[in-house]
N, C-alpha and C. Protein backbone atom coordinates (compact mmCIF):
# COMPACT_ATOMS: atom_id res chain seq x y z
N MET A 1 -7.30 29.29 -110.19
CA MET A 1 -5.98 29.82 -109.98
C MET A 1 -5.00 28.99 -110.76
N ARG A 2 -4.00 29.67 -111.37
CA ARG A 2 -2.98 29.02 -112.18
C ARG A 2 -1.76 28.87 -111.29
N TYR A 3 -0.92 27.86 -111.57
CA TYR A 3 0.29 27.63 -110.86
C TYR A 3 1.48 27.46 -111.80
N ASP A 4 2.64 27.95 -111.37
CA ASP A 4 3.88 27.71 -112.03
C ASP A 4 4.53 26.49 -111.35
N THR A 5 4.47 25.31 -112.02
CA THR A 5 4.87 24.11 -111.44
C THR A 5 6.24 23.75 -111.86
N THR A 6 7.16 23.50 -110.93
CA THR A 6 8.52 23.12 -111.20
C THR A 6 8.92 21.87 -110.42
N GLU A 7 9.48 20.86 -111.07
CA GLU A 7 9.85 19.62 -110.41
C GLU A 7 11.20 19.89 -109.78
N ILE A 8 11.32 19.49 -108.48
CA ILE A 8 12.60 19.56 -107.87
C ILE A 8 13.03 18.26 -107.17
N ALA A 9 14.25 18.10 -106.96
CA ALA A 9 14.78 16.89 -106.24
C ALA A 9 15.11 17.25 -104.84
N VAL A 10 14.48 16.54 -103.92
CA VAL A 10 14.76 16.91 -102.47
C VAL A 10 15.35 15.67 -101.71
N CYS A 11 16.03 15.99 -100.57
CA CYS A 11 16.57 14.95 -99.78
C CYS A 11 15.51 14.17 -98.94
N THR A 12 15.96 13.07 -98.35
CA THR A 12 15.14 12.27 -97.57
C THR A 12 14.39 12.96 -96.45
N VAL A 13 15.08 13.89 -95.79
CA VAL A 13 14.47 14.68 -94.74
C VAL A 13 13.34 15.55 -95.26
N CYS A 14 13.60 16.21 -96.30
CA CYS A 14 12.62 17.10 -96.92
C CYS A 14 11.38 16.32 -97.40
N ILE A 15 11.56 15.19 -98.05
CA ILE A 15 10.39 14.42 -98.52
C ILE A 15 9.55 13.99 -97.38
N CYS A 16 10.13 13.57 -96.30
CA CYS A 16 9.40 13.19 -95.12
C CYS A 16 8.63 14.34 -94.49
N LEU A 17 9.30 15.53 -94.49
CA LEU A 17 8.62 16.74 -93.94
C LEU A 17 7.38 17.04 -94.85
N LEU A 18 7.58 17.04 -96.12
CA LEU A 18 6.52 17.34 -97.07
C LEU A 18 5.43 16.34 -97.02
N ALA A 19 5.72 15.08 -96.94
CA ALA A 19 4.74 14.06 -96.97
C ALA A 19 3.98 13.84 -95.59
N ASN A 20 4.83 13.93 -94.56
CA ASN A 20 4.24 13.48 -93.17
C ASN A 20 4.24 14.68 -92.21
N GLY A 21 4.94 15.76 -92.47
CA GLY A 21 5.00 16.88 -91.53
C GLY A 21 6.00 16.63 -90.50
N GLU A 22 6.77 15.61 -90.49
CA GLU A 22 7.75 15.35 -89.50
C GLU A 22 8.86 14.39 -90.04
N TYR A 23 9.95 14.43 -89.35
CA TYR A 23 11.09 13.51 -89.63
C TYR A 23 11.73 13.31 -88.24
N VAL A 24 11.74 12.03 -87.74
CA VAL A 24 12.20 11.82 -86.42
C VAL A 24 13.40 10.86 -86.55
N ASP A 25 14.56 11.34 -86.16
CA ASP A 25 15.75 10.45 -86.11
C ASP A 25 16.67 10.67 -84.95
N GLY A 26 16.18 11.54 -84.02
CA GLY A 26 16.95 11.81 -82.85
C GLY A 26 18.06 12.84 -83.06
N THR A 27 18.08 13.50 -84.20
CA THR A 27 18.95 14.65 -84.50
C THR A 27 18.22 15.92 -84.71
N ASP A 28 18.91 16.91 -85.12
CA ASP A 28 18.21 18.24 -85.45
C ASP A 28 18.02 18.29 -87.02
N ALA A 29 18.04 17.18 -87.71
CA ALA A 29 17.97 17.22 -89.16
C ALA A 29 16.65 17.89 -89.66
N ALA A 30 15.54 17.53 -89.02
CA ALA A 30 14.24 18.16 -89.42
C ALA A 30 14.32 19.73 -89.24
N GLU A 31 14.85 20.12 -88.12
CA GLU A 31 14.87 21.50 -87.73
C GLU A 31 15.73 22.29 -88.80
N ARG A 32 16.92 21.72 -89.15
CA ARG A 32 17.84 22.34 -90.05
C ARG A 32 17.14 22.34 -91.49
N ALA A 33 16.41 21.28 -91.87
CA ALA A 33 15.76 21.31 -93.17
C ALA A 33 14.66 22.28 -93.24
N GLY A 34 13.97 22.42 -92.16
CA GLY A 34 12.84 23.47 -92.11
C GLY A 34 13.37 24.87 -92.25
N GLU A 35 14.49 25.07 -91.57
CA GLU A 35 15.13 26.44 -91.69
C GLU A 35 15.58 26.64 -93.01
N GLY A 36 16.16 25.63 -93.68
CA GLY A 36 16.66 25.77 -95.06
C GLY A 36 15.49 26.07 -95.96
N MET A 37 14.36 25.35 -95.89
CA MET A 37 13.27 25.58 -96.63
C MET A 37 12.68 27.04 -96.53
N ALA A 38 12.65 27.52 -95.28
CA ALA A 38 12.18 28.83 -94.99
C ALA A 38 13.13 29.90 -95.59
N ARG A 39 14.46 29.62 -95.57
CA ARG A 39 15.42 30.55 -96.18
C ARG A 39 15.27 30.57 -97.63
N ILE A 40 15.15 29.44 -98.27
CA ILE A 40 15.15 29.34 -99.72
C ILE A 40 13.73 29.74 -100.31
N TRP A 41 12.64 29.22 -99.73
CA TRP A 41 11.39 29.37 -100.28
C TRP A 41 10.53 30.46 -99.67
N GLY A 42 10.82 30.87 -98.41
CA GLY A 42 10.02 31.90 -97.74
C GLY A 42 8.57 31.39 -97.59
N ASP A 43 7.66 32.32 -97.79
CA ASP A 43 6.23 31.94 -97.73
C ASP A 43 5.81 31.01 -98.87
N ASP A 44 6.53 30.91 -99.94
CA ASP A 44 6.14 29.94 -101.02
C ASP A 44 6.48 28.48 -100.57
N GLY A 45 7.13 28.29 -99.50
CA GLY A 45 7.42 26.98 -99.03
C GLY A 45 6.16 26.12 -98.71
N LYS A 46 5.02 26.82 -98.50
CA LYS A 46 3.77 26.10 -98.30
C LYS A 46 3.24 25.50 -99.56
N TYR A 47 3.87 25.85 -100.69
CA TYR A 47 3.39 25.33 -102.01
C TYR A 47 4.25 24.16 -102.47
N LEU A 48 5.16 23.71 -101.61
CA LEU A 48 6.00 22.52 -101.91
C LEU A 48 5.13 21.26 -101.62
N SER A 49 5.23 20.36 -102.66
CA SER A 49 4.39 19.12 -102.50
C SER A 49 5.25 17.91 -102.87
N PRO A 50 5.06 16.79 -102.10
CA PRO A 50 5.87 15.61 -102.44
C PRO A 50 5.37 14.90 -103.72
N GLY A 51 6.39 14.37 -104.47
CA GLY A 51 6.08 13.60 -105.71
C GLY A 51 6.08 12.15 -105.28
N SER A 52 6.08 11.22 -106.18
CA SER A 52 6.05 9.83 -105.90
C SER A 52 7.21 9.04 -106.39
N GLU A 53 8.17 9.65 -107.08
CA GLU A 53 9.34 8.96 -107.66
C GLU A 53 10.58 9.08 -106.74
N ASP A 54 11.26 7.97 -106.70
CA ASP A 54 12.57 7.96 -105.97
C ASP A 54 13.56 8.24 -107.13
N LEU A 55 14.32 9.29 -106.98
CA LEU A 55 15.24 9.70 -108.04
C LEU A 55 16.61 9.03 -107.90
N GLY A 56 16.86 8.29 -106.84
CA GLY A 56 18.12 7.64 -106.61
C GLY A 56 19.11 8.47 -105.96
N TYR A 57 20.36 8.05 -106.00
CA TYR A 57 21.50 8.78 -105.35
C TYR A 57 21.77 10.03 -106.14
N GLY A 58 21.94 11.15 -105.46
CA GLY A 58 22.29 12.37 -106.08
C GLY A 58 23.47 13.13 -105.46
N MET A 59 24.08 13.83 -106.26
CA MET A 59 25.27 14.64 -105.73
C MET A 59 24.97 16.13 -105.80
N SER A 60 23.77 16.55 -106.25
CA SER A 60 23.39 17.91 -106.21
C SER A 60 22.77 18.28 -104.92
N SER A 61 22.76 19.61 -104.66
CA SER A 61 22.12 19.98 -103.39
C SER A 61 20.55 19.79 -103.45
N CYS A 62 20.02 19.75 -102.28
CA CYS A 62 18.55 19.49 -102.15
C CYS A 62 17.79 20.70 -102.62
N GLY A 63 16.87 20.51 -103.47
CA GLY A 63 15.98 21.63 -103.96
C GLY A 63 15.09 22.22 -102.98
N GLY A 64 14.90 21.47 -101.81
CA GLY A 64 14.00 21.93 -100.76
C GLY A 64 14.68 22.76 -99.74
N CYS A 65 15.68 22.17 -99.09
CA CYS A 65 16.46 22.90 -98.02
C CYS A 65 17.78 23.37 -98.35
N GLY A 66 18.34 22.94 -99.51
CA GLY A 66 19.63 23.35 -99.87
C GLY A 66 20.79 22.54 -99.33
N GLU A 67 20.48 21.44 -98.60
CA GLU A 67 21.53 20.60 -98.08
C GLU A 67 22.48 20.14 -99.15
N THR A 68 23.75 20.19 -98.93
CA THR A 68 24.76 19.87 -99.93
C THR A 68 25.34 18.44 -99.85
N ASP A 69 24.98 17.69 -98.77
CA ASP A 69 25.43 16.40 -98.61
C ASP A 69 24.89 15.50 -99.75
N HIS A 70 25.65 14.59 -100.21
CA HIS A 70 25.21 13.65 -101.25
C HIS A 70 24.21 12.62 -100.59
N GLY A 71 23.38 12.07 -101.35
CA GLY A 71 22.40 11.10 -100.82
C GLY A 71 21.16 10.85 -101.69
N ASP A 72 20.24 10.09 -101.16
CA ASP A 72 19.00 9.86 -101.96
C ASP A 72 18.29 11.12 -102.27
N ARG A 73 17.75 11.16 -103.41
CA ARG A 73 16.90 12.32 -103.83
C ARG A 73 15.51 11.76 -104.19
N HIS A 74 14.47 12.59 -103.98
CA HIS A 74 13.11 12.20 -104.20
C HIS A 74 12.36 13.38 -104.94
N GLN A 75 11.42 12.94 -105.74
CA GLN A 75 10.68 13.96 -106.57
C GLN A 75 9.72 14.72 -105.62
N ALA A 76 9.73 16.09 -105.85
CA ALA A 76 8.82 16.98 -105.22
C ALA A 76 8.48 18.11 -106.23
N PHE A 77 7.48 18.90 -106.02
CA PHE A 77 6.99 19.90 -106.83
C PHE A 77 6.87 21.26 -106.12
N ALA A 78 7.33 22.27 -106.68
CA ALA A 78 7.01 23.63 -106.26
C ALA A 78 5.83 24.16 -107.10
N MET A 79 4.69 24.32 -106.53
CA MET A 79 3.46 24.70 -107.23
C MET A 79 3.16 26.15 -106.79
N ILE A 80 3.83 27.11 -107.37
CA ILE A 80 3.72 28.54 -106.96
C ILE A 80 2.56 29.25 -107.72
N PRO A 81 1.57 29.78 -107.00
CA PRO A 81 0.50 30.52 -107.70
C PRO A 81 0.99 31.63 -108.59
N VAL A 82 0.46 31.76 -109.76
CA VAL A 82 0.80 32.82 -110.66
C VAL A 82 -0.08 34.02 -110.29
N LYS A 83 0.61 35.11 -110.00
CA LYS A 83 -0.08 36.30 -109.66
C LYS A 83 -0.51 37.07 -110.90
N SER A 84 -1.77 37.41 -110.99
CA SER A 84 -2.24 38.13 -112.20
C SER A 84 -1.99 39.58 -112.08
């Protein structure tokens, strides 16, 4: 199977969700991020994968959930299967 791979910059909550399947901070941040990923990526959200680089402070929206708050960004990849 071939994949269309795109590097994206994601927020701290998203990188934790992608890497660990959870983010616990006593707020609803993980729930909001999950809802954002579902809204943006739909079924293709299952093809998001964490990267290994810390991209530093960013002012762009999160490529995973769409959060617009400024903050740390982390490397992730969208590896979407190419349909033949």
